[in-house]
Protein backbone atom coordinates (compact mmCIF):
# COMPACT_ATOMS: atom_id res chain seq x y z
CA MET A 1 -28.12 56.35 23.13
CA ALA A 2 -26.11 58.01 25.88
CA PHE A 3 -26.45 61.40 24.19
CA ALA A 4 -30.24 61.11 23.76
CA GLY A 5 -30.84 59.80 27.29
CA SER A 6 -28.66 62.52 28.79
CA PHE A 7 -30.33 65.31 26.82
CA LEU A 8 -33.83 64.12 27.78
CA ALA A 9 -32.96 63.64 31.45
CA GLY A 10 -31.16 67.00 31.53
CA PHE A 11 -34.07 68.88 29.97
CA LEU A 12 -36.86 67.30 32.04
CA GLY A 13 -34.81 67.38 35.22
CA SER A 14 -33.91 71.03 34.91
CA VAL A 15 -37.56 71.96 34.34
CA VAL A 16 -38.64 70.45 37.66
CA GLY A 17 -35.38 70.90 39.61
CA LEU A 18 -34.32 67.23 39.65
CA VAL A 19 -31.16 65.64 38.27
CA LEU A 20 -33.05 62.49 37.12
CA GLY A 21 -29.90 60.41 36.96
CA SER A 22 -32.06 57.30 37.28
CA LEU A 23 -33.62 58.16 33.91
CA ARG A 24 -30.18 58.49 32.31
CA LEU A 25 -28.48 55.53 33.99
CA PRO A 26 -29.88 52.72 31.76
CA ALA A 27 -28.54 54.40 28.61
CA VAL A 28 -25.15 55.06 30.24
CA LEU A 29 -24.99 51.47 31.50
CA LEU A 30 -25.71 50.03 28.05
CA ALA A 31 -23.12 52.33 26.48
CA SER A 32 -20.37 51.57 29.00
CA GLY A 33 -21.11 47.90 29.74
CA ASN A 34 -19.63 48.11 33.25
CA PRO A 35 -21.90 48.83 36.28
CA ALA A 36 -19.20 50.50 38.40
CA ALA A 37 -17.95 52.66 35.52
CA ALA A 38 -21.54 53.49 34.60
CA ALA A 39 -22.24 54.69 38.16
CA GLY A 40 -19.17 56.93 38.18
CA THR A 41 -19.93 58.26 34.71
CA ASN A 42 -23.58 58.85 35.52
CA ILE A 43 -22.92 60.80 38.70
CA ALA A 44 -20.40 62.97 36.82
CA VAL A 45 -23.06 63.76 34.21
CA SER A 46 -25.55 64.44 37.01
CA ALA A 47 -23.17 66.97 38.56
CA ALA A 48 -22.57 68.69 35.21
CA ALA A 49 -26.28 68.75 34.38
CA ALA A 50 -27.12 70.18 37.80
CA LEU A 51 -24.42 72.84 37.36
CA SER A 52 -25.68 73.81 33.89
CA GLY A 53 -29.30 74.04 34.98
CA GLY A 54 -28.39 75.66 38.29
CA LEU A 55 -26.38 78.41 36.58
CA ALA A 56 -29.28 79.16 34.24
CA HIS A 57 -31.65 79.40 37.21
CA ALA A 58 -29.11 81.54 39.10
CA ARG A 59 -28.84 84.00 36.22
CA ALA A 60 -32.62 84.36 36.34
CA GLY A 61 -32.53 84.97 40.13
CA ARG A 62 -34.11 81.62 41.02
CA VAL A 63 -31.51 80.37 43.53
CA SER A 64 -31.46 81.06 47.27
CA TRP A 65 -27.75 81.19 48.05
CA ARG A 66 -28.41 81.38 51.79
CA ILE A 67 -30.23 78.04 51.65
CA VAL A 68 -27.46 76.60 49.47
CA ALA A 69 -24.90 77.62 52.11
CA TRP A 70 -26.95 76.12 54.95
CA MET A 71 -27.95 72.90 53.18
CA THR A 72 -24.85 71.85 51.24
CA PRO A 73 -22.31 71.13 54.06
CA PRO A 74 -24.64 68.84 56.09
CA SER A 75 -25.79 67.16 52.85
CA VAL A 76 -22.22 66.30 51.81
CA ALA A 77 -21.28 65.22 55.35
CA GLY A 78 -24.42 63.11 55.64
CA ALA A 79 -23.75 61.46 52.26
CA PHE A 80 -20.22 60.53 53.38
CA VAL A 81 -21.45 59.01 56.66
CA GLY A 82 -24.30 57.20 54.92
CA GLY A 83 -21.96 55.78 52.32
CA TYR A 84 -19.44 54.69 54.96
CA PHE A 85 -22.05 52.76 56.98
CA ALA A 86 -24.15 51.62 54.01
CA HIS A 87 -23.23 47.98 54.57
CA ALA A 88 -24.94 48.01 58.00
CA VAL A 89 -28.39 49.05 56.72
CA PRO A 90 -30.76 46.93 54.57
CA ALA A 91 -30.90 48.70 51.19
CA ARG A 92 -34.36 47.30 50.40
CA ALA A 93 -35.91 48.82 53.53
CA LEU A 94 -34.31 52.20 52.81
CA LEU A 95 -35.48 52.21 49.19
CA ALA A 96 -39.02 51.22 50.19
CA SER A 97 -39.15 54.02 52.79
CA ILE A 98 -37.89 56.56 50.26
CA ALA A 99 -40.51 55.41 47.73
CA VAL A 100 -43.31 55.91 50.28
CA VAL A 101 -42.12 59.40 51.22
CA LEU A 102 -41.76 60.37 47.57
CA ALA A 103 -45.22 59.07 46.72
CA TRP A 104 -46.79 61.08 49.54
CA ASN A 105 -44.98 64.26 48.57
CA GLY A 106 -45.86 63.73 44.91
CA LEU A 107 -49.57 63.33 45.69
CA ASP A 108 -49.41 66.29 48.06
CA LEU A 109 -47.98 68.61 45.39
CA LEU A 110 -50.05 67.22 42.54
CA PHE A 111 -53.42 67.48 44.29
CA GLU A 112 -52.59 70.25 46.81
CA LEU A 113 -53.49 68.15 49.84
CA ARG A 114 -51.93 70.69 52.22
CA ALA A 115 -51.56 74.43 52.16
CA ALA A 116 -47.94 75.58 51.80
CA PRO A 117 -46.71 76.52 55.31
CA GLU A 118 -44.56 79.51 56.15
CA SER A 119 -41.25 78.31 57.55
CA ARG A 120 -40.16 80.31 60.60
CA ARG A 121 -36.80 78.55 60.84
CA PRO A 122 -35.56 78.07 57.27
CA ARG A 123 -31.93 77.75 58.37
CA LEU A 124 -32.69 74.91 60.80
CA ALA A 125 -35.01 73.21 58.29
CA ALA A 126 -32.40 73.39 55.52
CA THR A 127 -29.61 72.10 57.76
CA VAL A 128 -31.54 69.19 59.29
CA SER A 129 -33.27 68.08 56.08
CA GLY A 130 -30.00 68.37 54.14
CA GLY A 131 -28.16 66.17 56.62
CA LEU A 132 -30.87 63.51 56.83
CA ILE A 133 -31.40 63.33 53.06
CA GLY A 134 -27.64 63.20 52.48
CA LEU A 135 -27.41 60.34 54.97
CA LEU A 136 -30.11 58.35 53.15
CA GLY A 137 -28.66 59.15 49.75
CA GLY A 138 -25.18 58.06 50.75
CA ALA A 139 -26.55 54.77 52.06
CA VAL A 140 -28.36 53.89 48.82
CA GLY A 141 -26.02 55.61 46.33
CA LEU A 142 -28.41 58.35 45.15
CA ILE A 143 -28.24 62.16 45.22
CA LEU A 144 -31.92 62.18 46.27
CA GLY A 145 -32.85 65.59 44.95
CA THR A 146 -36.32 64.05 44.77
CA LEU A 147 -36.48 64.19 48.57
CA ARG A 148 -34.61 67.48 48.91
CA LEU A 149 -36.98 69.37 46.61
CA PRO A 150 -40.14 68.68 48.67
CA ALA A 151 -38.17 69.69 51.77
CA LEU A 152 -37.26 72.99 50.13
CA LEU A 153 -40.90 73.55 49.22
CA ARG A 154 -42.54 72.39 52.45
CA SER A 155 -40.04 72.58 55.31
CA VAL A 156 -37.92 75.52 54.16
CA GLY A 157 -40.85 77.30 52.48
CA LEU A 158 -39.23 78.40 49.19
CA PRO A 159 -41.37 79.31 46.16
CA ALA A 160 -41.40 76.57 43.52
CA HIS A 161 -39.18 78.37 41.01
CA THR A 162 -36.57 79.20 43.67
CA ALA A 163 -36.71 75.67 45.11
CA VAL A 164 -36.03 74.22 41.65
CA GLY A 165 -32.88 76.30 41.12
CA THR A 166 -31.64 75.87 44.68
CA ASN A 167 -32.08 72.10 44.54
CA LEU A 168 -30.00 71.86 41.38
CA VAL A 169 -27.14 73.87 42.88
CA VAL A 170 -27.03 71.71 46.03
CA GLY A 171 -27.25 68.63 43.78
CA PHE A 172 -24.17 69.79 41.90
CA PHE A 173 -22.03 69.78 45.05
CA LEU A 174 -23.28 66.33 46.06
CA GLY A 175 -22.70 64.99 42.55
CA ALA A 176 -19.20 66.45 42.42
CA ALA A 177 -18.32 64.82 45.75
CA GLY A 178 -19.69 61.47 44.56
CA PHE A 179 -17.79 61.69 41.29
CA ALA A 180 -14.55 62.40 43.14
CA ALA A 181 -14.95 59.13 45.03
CA HIS A 182 -15.46 57.18 41.79
CA LEU A 183 -12.58 59.02 40.12
CA VAL A 184 -10.17 57.88 42.82
CA ARG A 185 -11.13 54.29 41.97
CA LEU A 186 -10.92 55.04 38.21
CA GLU A 187 -14.59 54.07 37.75
CA VAL A 188 -15.26 56.37 34.78
CA GLU A 189 -15.91 55.62 31.10
CA TRP A 190 -14.43 58.75 29.53
CA LEU A 191 -15.84 58.42 26.00
CA VAL A 192 -19.37 57.79 27.29
CA LEU A 193 -18.90 60.69 29.73
CA ALA A 194 -17.96 63.06 26.90
CA VAL A 195 -20.92 62.04 24.74
CA SER A 196 -23.32 62.21 27.69
CA LEU A 197 -22.10 65.67 28.70
CA ALA A 198 -22.66 66.87 25.14
CA GLY A 199 -26.33 65.99 25.59
CA ALA A 200 -26.88 66.75 29.28
CA VAL A 201 -25.40 70.26 29.50
CA PRO A 202 -27.46 71.92 26.72
CA GLY A 203 -30.53 69.91 27.73
CA SER A 204 -30.28 71.18 31.30
CA TRP A 205 -29.73 74.75 30.16
CA LEU A 206 -32.80 74.67 27.90
CA GLY A 207 -34.89 73.02 30.61
CA ALA A 208 -34.01 75.73 33.12
CA ARG A 209 -35.05 78.44 30.66
CA TYR A 210 -38.36 76.71 30.01
CA SER A 211 -39.01 76.25 33.73
CA GLY A 212 -39.08 80.01 34.28
CA ARG A 213 -42.04 80.37 31.92
CA LEU A 214 -44.30 78.07 33.91
CA PRO A 215 -46.81 79.40 36.46
CA GLU A 216 -46.09 78.50 40.09
CA ARG A 217 -49.07 76.16 40.40
CA THR A 218 -48.25 74.33 37.16
CA LEU A 219 -44.63 73.86 38.19
CA ARG A 220 -45.62 72.44 41.58
CA ARG A 221 -47.91 69.93 39.87
CA LEU A 222 -45.18 68.95 37.42
CA ILE A 223 -42.85 68.37 40.34
CA GLY A 224 -45.52 66.24 42.02
CA GLY A 225 -45.94 64.12 38.89
CA ALA A 226 -42.17 63.67 38.56
CA LEU A 227 -41.94 62.56 42.20
CA LEU A 228 -44.61 59.91 41.63
CA VAL A 229 -42.73 58.52 38.63
CA VAL A 230 -39.47 58.35 40.58
CA ALA A 231 -41.29 56.79 43.57
CA ALA A 232 -42.59 54.02 41.31
CA ALA A 233 -39.09 53.40 39.89
CA ILE A 234 -37.54 53.23 43.38
CA ALA A 235 -40.33 50.90 44.58
CA VAL A 236 -39.54 48.55 41.71
CA ALA A 237 -35.83 48.72 42.57
CA ALA A 238 -36.66 47.86 46.20
CA ALA A 239 -38.81 44.92 45.12
CA VAL A 240 -36.16 43.35 42.89
CA SER A 241 -33.08 44.14 45.04
């Protein structure tokens, strides 16, 4: 179960530039039986899947390393601050807000509601959006590549294929930092992690290779559809939390 869920999430996520840990988490949770260990295991798999897909995109020239350098430090710092003060913010309100933003961005990309703008300040856009998204993600315990990817497309102005690869690379660093925190508390199920990695790494690699064959417009619409699905899942989580 963990292998199949990890392979599917890795493949689909790498196609559209998302880690899709939320798609993998139920299988990892059932396999491990412990919520804390499942969270640590899942974020480790997310980091490995993002690295595998990101490397495949990088080899094909679909990663903007300048944007990675500008976006990663504020993202990691924001995630730490958000996690530290998470107890002071209502999780339901944050999740509901994220769901609304995701739904709007998904509809925007799916139906091309706005023309893609040219970003005149990509460095500032990458730094500010990375910090804010990291802050939100740290507060709710998510990497939130689903918010970072629209920012790379709209605010930073990257082409879809480059945004996909760049988002995965930034997601790797966030996932690695999150896994380190769980590792300190020994919240890892090592056998489930090994089986999940065996599915996630090749799945992500294959997904990245397939992504490069898609036309720009098709990829943007696939990203929009994926954002709508994740928005619905987060809205449900907000409703039941």
